[in-house]
Protein backbone atom coordinates (compact mmCIF):
# COMPACT_ATOMS: atom_id res chain seq x y z
CA MET A 1 97.39 119.03 84.33
CA LYS A 2 100.31 119.41 81.98
CA ARG A 3 102.36 116.36 80.99
CA PRO A 4 105.96 116.37 82.20
CA TRP A 5 107.15 115.09 78.78
CA PRO A 6 105.92 115.52 75.19
CA LEU A 7 103.92 112.76 73.50
CA LYS A 8 105.84 110.57 71.10
CA ALA A 9 104.51 110.02 67.58
CA ALA A 10 103.46 106.43 68.35
CA GLN A 11 101.51 107.53 71.42
CA ALA A 12 99.77 110.32 69.53
CA MET A 13 98.72 107.92 66.75
CA SER A 14 97.25 105.39 69.16
CA LYS A 15 94.42 107.75 70.06
CA GLY A 16 91.29 107.48 67.95
CA LYS A 17 90.54 104.81 65.36
CA GLY A 18 94.07 103.62 64.78
CA HIS A 19 95.92 102.71 61.65
CA VAL A 20 94.09 101.31 58.61
CA PRO A 21 96.48 99.57 56.18
CA ILE A 22 96.00 100.67 52.56
CA ARG A 23 96.86 98.40 49.62
CA THR A 24 96.77 98.89 45.84
CA CYS A 25 94.92 96.64 43.39
CA ILE A 26 97.46 95.24 40.90
CA SER A 27 94.87 95.36 38.15
CA CYS A 28 93.22 98.78 38.29
CA GLY A 29 95.57 100.63 40.65
CA THR A 30 92.80 101.64 43.06
CA LYS A 31 93.93 102.15 46.65
CA LYS A 32 91.61 100.65 49.26
CA PRO A 33 91.73 99.39 52.84
CA LYS A 34 93.40 95.98 53.06
CA LYS A 35 90.19 94.24 54.16
CA GLU A 36 88.34 95.29 50.99
CA LEU A 37 90.85 93.59 48.67
CA ILE A 38 91.62 89.93 47.98
CA ARG A 39 95.17 88.76 48.71
CA LEU A 40 96.92 86.44 46.27
CA VAL A 41 100.11 84.45 46.94
CA LEU A 42 102.19 81.78 45.19
CA ASP A 43 101.73 78.23 46.49
CA GLU A 44 104.42 75.52 46.59
CA GLU A 45 103.61 74.42 43.02
CA GLY A 46 103.96 77.91 41.58
CA PHE A 47 100.25 78.60 41.10
CA VAL A 48 98.69 81.86 42.22
CA VAL A 49 96.12 81.11 44.92
CA ARG A 50 93.74 83.17 47.01
CA ASP A 51 94.86 83.75 50.59
CA GLU A 52 91.61 83.66 52.55
CA LYS A 53 93.08 84.41 55.98
CA GLY A 54 95.91 86.67 54.85
CA SER A 55 98.46 84.58 56.69
CA MET A 56 100.17 82.52 53.97
CA PRO A 57 103.93 83.09 53.71
CA GLY A 58 105.57 84.92 50.86
CA ARG A 59 104.97 87.97 48.71
CA GLY A 60 101.34 88.95 48.43
CA ALA A 61 99.46 90.87 45.78
CA TYR A 62 96.04 92.44 46.17
CA VAL A 63 93.12 92.52 43.71
CA CYS A 64 89.71 94.19 43.85
CA PRO A 65 86.73 91.83 44.03
CA LYS A 66 85.48 93.30 40.73
CA LYS A 67 85.14 90.95 37.76
CA GLU A 68 86.98 93.37 35.45
CA CYS A 69 90.06 93.34 37.64
CA TRP A 70 90.22 89.54 37.65
CA GLU A 71 89.90 89.40 33.88
CA GLN A 72 92.84 91.77 33.41
CA LEU A 73 95.20 89.65 35.52
CA ASP A 74 95.98 87.24 32.66
CA LYS A 75 95.61 89.69 29.80
CA LYS A 76 98.15 92.24 30.97
CA LYS A 77 100.52 89.91 32.85
CA ARG A 78 99.91 91.80 36.08
CA LEU A 79 100.69 88.69 38.13
CA ASN A 80 104.20 88.39 36.69
CA LYS A 81 104.98 91.98 37.60
CA ALA A 82 103.49 91.75 41.10
CA PHE A 83 105.33 88.54 41.97
CA ARG A 84 108.52 89.51 40.10
CA ALA A 85 108.39 86.29 38.11
CA LYS A 86 110.38 85.59 34.96
CA ARG A 87 108.02 82.86 33.74
CA THR A 88 104.33 83.25 33.00
CA LEU A 89 102.20 82.78 36.11
CA ARG A 90 98.69 81.38 36.05
CA LEU A 91 95.85 81.36 38.52
CA HIS A 92 95.17 78.05 40.22
CA PRO A 93 92.60 75.89 38.34
CA PHE A 94 90.11 76.52 41.15
CA SER A 95 90.19 80.21 40.27
CA ALA A 96 87.40 79.60 37.74
CA GLU A 97 85.11 79.18 40.76
CA TRP A 98 86.18 82.58 42.11
CA LYS A 99 85.43 84.22 38.77
CA ARG A 100 81.96 82.64 38.68
CA ASP A 101 81.29 83.88 42.22
CA LEU A 102 82.36 87.39 41.22
CA ALA A 103 80.07 87.31 38.16
CA ARG A 104 77.08 86.64 40.45
CA ASP A 105 77.78 89.68 42.64
């Protein structure tokens, strides 16, 4: 049976797997699915913190879970560029725990 009207773009896309959001690592520039990257946001005190659930408000930046990517964040001022900050941004003091966890993997 032929449809009486043509499919719209949104209807055609809904068939199959669906949309997978792609994000770019601010450190290495690798494009990966959103779920494979770690989201960072600024907290109320101006520290960069890890957004576990991906629901914190504000501009987010994504980083690979690789140790090399985390080490480059401070060295190349990637955080300042990603968050459009005029002052130097630092990872939250608890970020040392994240780096240790990454070193174990």
